[in-house]
């Protein structure tokens, strides 16, 4: 963050390490923090690089990039739902939060890639 409390959205997603980026994406109540452009750019970048490293014969860590890719597409789906339904403050609409969808997206993408059961993946993510 800069001294005037601003930051570059794409730099926060692409320059920070994966753990910090996942923390940014999982944060609840921050539906205006990242826009579609920065999320889609980071998703394309991480997806292509993850596919490239997964196909190579190099022992490289794929857990964090897979969680990060899933969190990015989950956050995009969450932003789409917020733009359709708006920010809900009542008890029935509290599930429409991009941070929650980022956690669900990370669990779903990681379980699909690693062939783990969804219950084990949810335990690993939380």
C-alpha atoms as a PDB file:
ATOM      1  CA  UNK A   1       0.000   0.000   0.000  1.00  0.00           C
ATOM      2  CA  UNK A   2       1.075   3.498  -0.771  1.00  0.00           C
ATOM      3  CA  UNK A   3       1.253   6.306   1.790  1.00  0.00           C
ATOM      4  CA  UNK A   4      -2.145   7.631   0.669  1.00  0.00           C
ATOM      5  CA  UNK A   5      -3.782   4.215   1.370  1.00  0.00           C
ATOM      6  CA  UNK A   6      -4.138   3.234  -2.300  1.00  0.00           C
ATOM      7  CA  UNK A   7      -2.738   0.217  -4.117  1.00  0.00           C
ATOM      8  CA  UNK A   8      -2.551  -1.263  -7.570  1.00  0.00           C
ATOM      9  CA  UNK A   9      -4.988  -4.163  -7.851  1.00  0.00           C
ATOM     10  CA  UNK A  10      -3.036  -6.174 -10.423  1.00  0.00           C
ATOM     11  CA  UNK A  11       0.248  -5.658  -8.568  1.00  0.00           C
ATOM     12  CA  UNK A  12      -1.327  -6.871  -5.335  1.00  0.00           C
ATOM     13  CA  UNK A  13      -2.380 -10.086  -7.079  1.00  0.00           C
ATOM     14  CA  UNK A  14       0.657 -10.710  -9.296  1.00  0.00           C
ATOM     15  CA  UNK A  15       3.649  -9.381  -7.340  1.00  0.00           C
ATOM     16  CA  UNK A  16       2.778 -10.586  -3.841  1.00  0.00           C
ATOM     17  CA  UNK A  17       3.496 -14.178  -2.938  1.00  0.00           C
ATOM     18  CA  UNK A  18       0.724 -16.749  -3.300  1.00  0.00           C
ATOM     19  CA  UNK A  19      -0.120 -16.965   0.385  1.00  0.00           C
ATOM     20  CA  UNK A  20      -0.640 -13.220   0.685  1.00  0.00           C
ATOM     21  CA  UNK A  21      -2.686 -13.160  -2.540  1.00  0.00           C
ATOM     22  CA  UNK A  22      -4.949 -15.917  -1.250  1.00  0.00           C
ATOM     23  CA  UNK A  23      -5.392 -13.953   1.979  1.00  0.00           C
ATOM     24  CA  UNK A  24      -6.461 -10.901  -0.066  1.00  0.00           C
ATOM     25  CA  UNK A  25      -8.948 -12.964  -2.062  1.00  0.00           C
ATOM     26  CA  UNK A  26     -10.474 -14.770   0.934  1.00  0.00           C
ATOM     27  CA  UNK A  27     -11.124 -11.532   2.849  1.00  0.00           C
ATOM     28  CA  UNK A  28     -14.836 -11.012   3.377  1.00  0.00           C
ATOM     29  CA  UNK A  29     -16.623  -7.704   2.984  1.00  0.00           C
ATOM     30  CA  UNK A  30     -14.231  -6.410   0.324  1.00  0.00           C
ATOM     31  CA  UNK A  31     -16.322  -6.599  -2.829  1.00  0.00           C
ATOM     32  CA  UNK A  32     -14.878  -3.333  -4.193  1.00  0.00           C
ATOM     33  CA  UNK A  33     -11.211  -4.166  -3.570  1.00  0.00           C
ATOM     34  CA  UNK A  34     -10.496  -5.980  -6.871  1.00  0.00           C
ATOM     35  CA  UNK A  35     -12.025  -5.370 -10.278  1.00  0.00           C
ATOM     36  CA  UNK A  36     -12.761  -7.766 -13.106  1.00  0.00           C
ATOM     37  CA  UNK A  37      -9.728  -6.706 -15.145  1.00  0.00           C
ATOM     38  CA  UNK A  38      -7.149  -7.405 -12.468  1.00  0.00           C
ATOM     39  CA  UNK A  39      -8.800 -10.697 -11.464  1.00  0.00           C
ATOM     40  CA  UNK A  40      -9.068 -11.962 -15.044  1.00  0.00           C
ATOM     41  CA  UNK A  41      -5.469 -10.939 -15.800  1.00  0.00           C
ATOM     42  CA  UNK A  42      -4.147 -12.751 -12.737  1.00  0.00           C
ATOM     43  CA  UNK A  43      -6.341 -15.777 -13.508  1.00  0.00           C
ATOM     44  CA  UNK A  44      -5.018 -16.069 -17.065  1.00  0.00           C
ATOM     45  CA  UNK A  45      -1.428 -15.608 -15.890  1.00  0.00           C
ATOM     46  CA  UNK A  46      -1.591 -18.167 -13.079  1.00  0.00           C
ATOM     47  CA  UNK A  47      -3.633 -20.686 -15.057  1.00  0.00           C
ATOM     48  CA  UNK A  48      -1.209 -20.724 -17.989  1.00  0.00           C
ATOM     49  CA  UNK A  49       1.845 -20.939 -15.744  1.00  0.00           C
ATOM     50  CA  UNK A  50       0.246 -23.642 -13.576  1.00  0.00           C
ATOM     51  CA  UNK A  51      -0.571 -25.742 -16.643  1.00  0.00           C
ATOM     52  CA  UNK A  52       2.962 -25.295 -17.907  1.00  0.00           C
ATOM     53  CA  UNK A  53       4.624 -26.323 -14.638  1.00  0.00           C
ATOM     54  CA  UNK A  54       2.209 -29.204 -14.036  1.00  0.00           C
ATOM     55  CA  UNK A  55       3.072 -30.659 -17.437  1.00  0.00           C
ATOM     56  CA  UNK A  56       6.806 -30.400 -16.961  1.00  0.00           C
ATOM     57  CA  UNK A  57       8.899 -33.046 -15.260  1.00  0.00           C
ATOM     58  CA  UNK A  58      10.120 -30.600 -12.621  1.00  0.00           C
ATOM     59  CA  UNK A  59       9.256 -31.047  -8.974  1.00  0.00           C
ATOM     60  CA  UNK A  60       7.528 -27.732  -8.320  1.00  0.00           C
ATOM     61  CA  UNK A  61       4.893 -26.872  -5.768  1.00  0.00           C
ATOM     62  CA  UNK A  62       1.423 -26.805  -7.243  1.00  0.00           C
ATOM     63  CA  UNK A  63      -0.715 -26.532  -4.120  1.00  0.00           C
ATOM     64  CA  UNK A  64      -0.580 -22.751  -3.718  1.00  0.00           C
ATOM     65  CA  UNK A  65      -0.982 -21.964  -7.465  1.00  0.00           C
ATOM     66  CA  UNK A  66      -3.997 -24.291  -7.688  1.00  0.00           C
ATOM     67  CA  UNK A  67      -5.606 -22.734  -4.612  1.00  0.00           C
ATOM     68  CA  UNK A  68      -4.819 -19.290  -6.001  1.00  0.00           C
ATOM     69  CA  UNK A  69      -6.334 -20.074  -9.406  1.00  0.00           C
ATOM     70  CA  UNK A  70      -9.502 -21.429  -7.798  1.00  0.00           C
ATOM     71  CA  UNK A  71      -9.745 -18.428  -5.492  1.00  0.00           C
ATOM     72  CA  UNK A  72      -9.441 -16.098  -8.477  1.00  0.00           C
ATOM     73  CA  UNK A  73     -12.269 -17.692 -10.438  1.00  0.00           C
ATOM     74  CA  UNK A  74     -14.392 -18.017  -7.293  1.00  0.00           C
ATOM     75  CA  UNK A  75     -13.910 -14.323  -6.588  1.00  0.00           C
ATOM     76  CA  UNK A  76     -14.942 -13.492 -10.162  1.00  0.00           C
ATOM     77  CA  UNK A  77     -18.148 -15.531  -9.753  1.00  0.00           C
ATOM     78  CA  UNK A  78     -18.764 -13.780  -6.425  1.00  0.00           C
ATOM     79  CA  UNK A  79     -18.368 -10.361  -8.054  1.00  0.00           C
ATOM     80  CA  UNK A  80     -20.799 -11.354 -10.794  1.00  0.00           C
ATOM     81  CA  UNK A  81     -23.375 -12.344  -8.168  1.00  0.00           C
ATOM     82  CA  UNK A  82     -22.809  -9.092  -6.248  1.00  0.00           C
ATOM     83  CA  UNK A  83     -23.356  -7.120  -9.459  1.00  0.00           C
ATOM     84  CA  UNK A  84     -26.588  -9.056 -10.123  1.00  0.00           C
ATOM     85  CA  UNK A  85     -28.078  -9.134  -6.604  1.00  0.00           C
ATOM     86  CA  UNK A  86     -26.217  -6.287  -4.912  1.00  0.00           C
ATOM     87  CA  UNK A  87     -24.648  -6.335  -1.465  1.00  0.00           C
ATOM     88  CA  UNK A  88     -27.043  -8.047   0.905  1.00  0.00           C
ATOM     89  CA  UNK A  89     -27.056  -7.161   4.595  1.00  0.00           C
ATOM     90  CA  UNK A  90     -29.944  -9.340   5.729  1.00  0.00           C
ATOM     91  CA  UNK A  91     -29.415 -12.837   7.111  1.00  0.00           C
ATOM     92  CA  UNK A  92     -30.689 -14.574   3.969  1.00  0.00           C
ATOM     93  CA  UNK A  93     -28.417 -12.750   1.522  1.00  0.00           C
ATOM     94  CA  UNK A  94     -25.224 -12.795   3.590  1.00  0.00           C
ATOM     95  CA  UNK A  95     -23.882 -15.683   1.514  1.00  0.00           C
ATOM     96  CA  UNK A  96     -23.359 -13.363  -1.459  1.00  0.00           C
ATOM     97  CA  UNK A  97     -19.792 -12.385  -0.607  1.00  0.00           C
ATOM     98  CA  UNK A  98     -16.888 -12.647  -3.080  1.00  0.00           C
ATOM     99  CA  UNK A  99     -14.514 -13.763  -0.309  1.00  0.00           C
ATOM    100  CA  UNK A 100     -16.729 -16.732   0.485  1.00  0.00           C
ATOM    101  CA  UNK A 101     -16.954 -17.637  -3.190  1.00  0.00           C
ATOM    102  CA  UNK A 102     -13.155 -17.410  -3.411  1.00  0.00           C
ATOM    103  CA  UNK A 103     -12.842 -20.036  -0.667  1.00  0.00           C
ATOM    104  CA  UNK A 104     -15.396 -22.281  -2.372  1.00  0.00           C
ATOM    105  CA  UNK A 105     -13.681 -21.809  -5.736  1.00  0.00           C
ATOM    106  CA  UNK A 106     -10.273 -22.659  -4.263  1.00  0.00           C
ATOM    107  CA  UNK A 107     -11.625 -25.844  -2.700  1.00  0.00           C
ATOM    108  CA  UNK A 108     -13.438 -26.892  -5.870  1.00  0.00           C
ATOM    109  CA  UNK A 109     -10.510 -26.240  -8.201  1.00  0.00           C
ATOM    110  CA  UNK A 110      -8.009 -27.943  -5.917  1.00  0.00           C
ATOM    111  CA  UNK A 111     -10.212 -30.986  -5.436  1.00  0.00           C
ATOM    112  CA  UNK A 112     -10.752 -31.287  -9.180  1.00  0.00           C
ATOM    113  CA  UNK A 113      -7.061 -31.022 -10.000  1.00  0.00           C
ATOM    114  CA  UNK A 114      -5.703 -33.201  -7.224  1.00  0.00           C
ATOM    115  CA  UNK A 115      -8.568 -35.745  -7.277  1.00  0.00           C
ATOM    116  CA  UNK A 116      -9.140 -35.385  -3.540  1.00  0.00           C
ATOM    117  CA  UNK A 117     -12.590 -35.549  -2.046  1.00  0.00           C
ATOM    118  CA  UNK A 118     -14.263 -32.200  -1.490  1.00  0.00           C
ATOM    119  CA  UNK A 119     -14.503 -32.755   2.287  1.00  0.00           C
ATOM    120  CA  UNK A 120     -10.741 -33.269   2.592  1.00  0.00           C
ATOM    121  CA  UNK A 121     -10.106 -30.241   0.422  1.00  0.00           C
ATOM    122  CA  UNK A 122     -12.357 -28.049   2.577  1.00  0.00           C
ATOM    123  CA  UNK A 123     -10.430 -29.183   5.632  1.00  0.00           C
ATOM    124  CA  UNK A 124      -7.145 -28.332   3.941  1.00  0.00           C
ATOM    125  CA  UNK A 125      -8.324 -24.889   2.816  1.00  0.00           C
ATOM    126  CA  UNK A 126      -9.778 -23.878   6.189  1.00  0.00           C
END
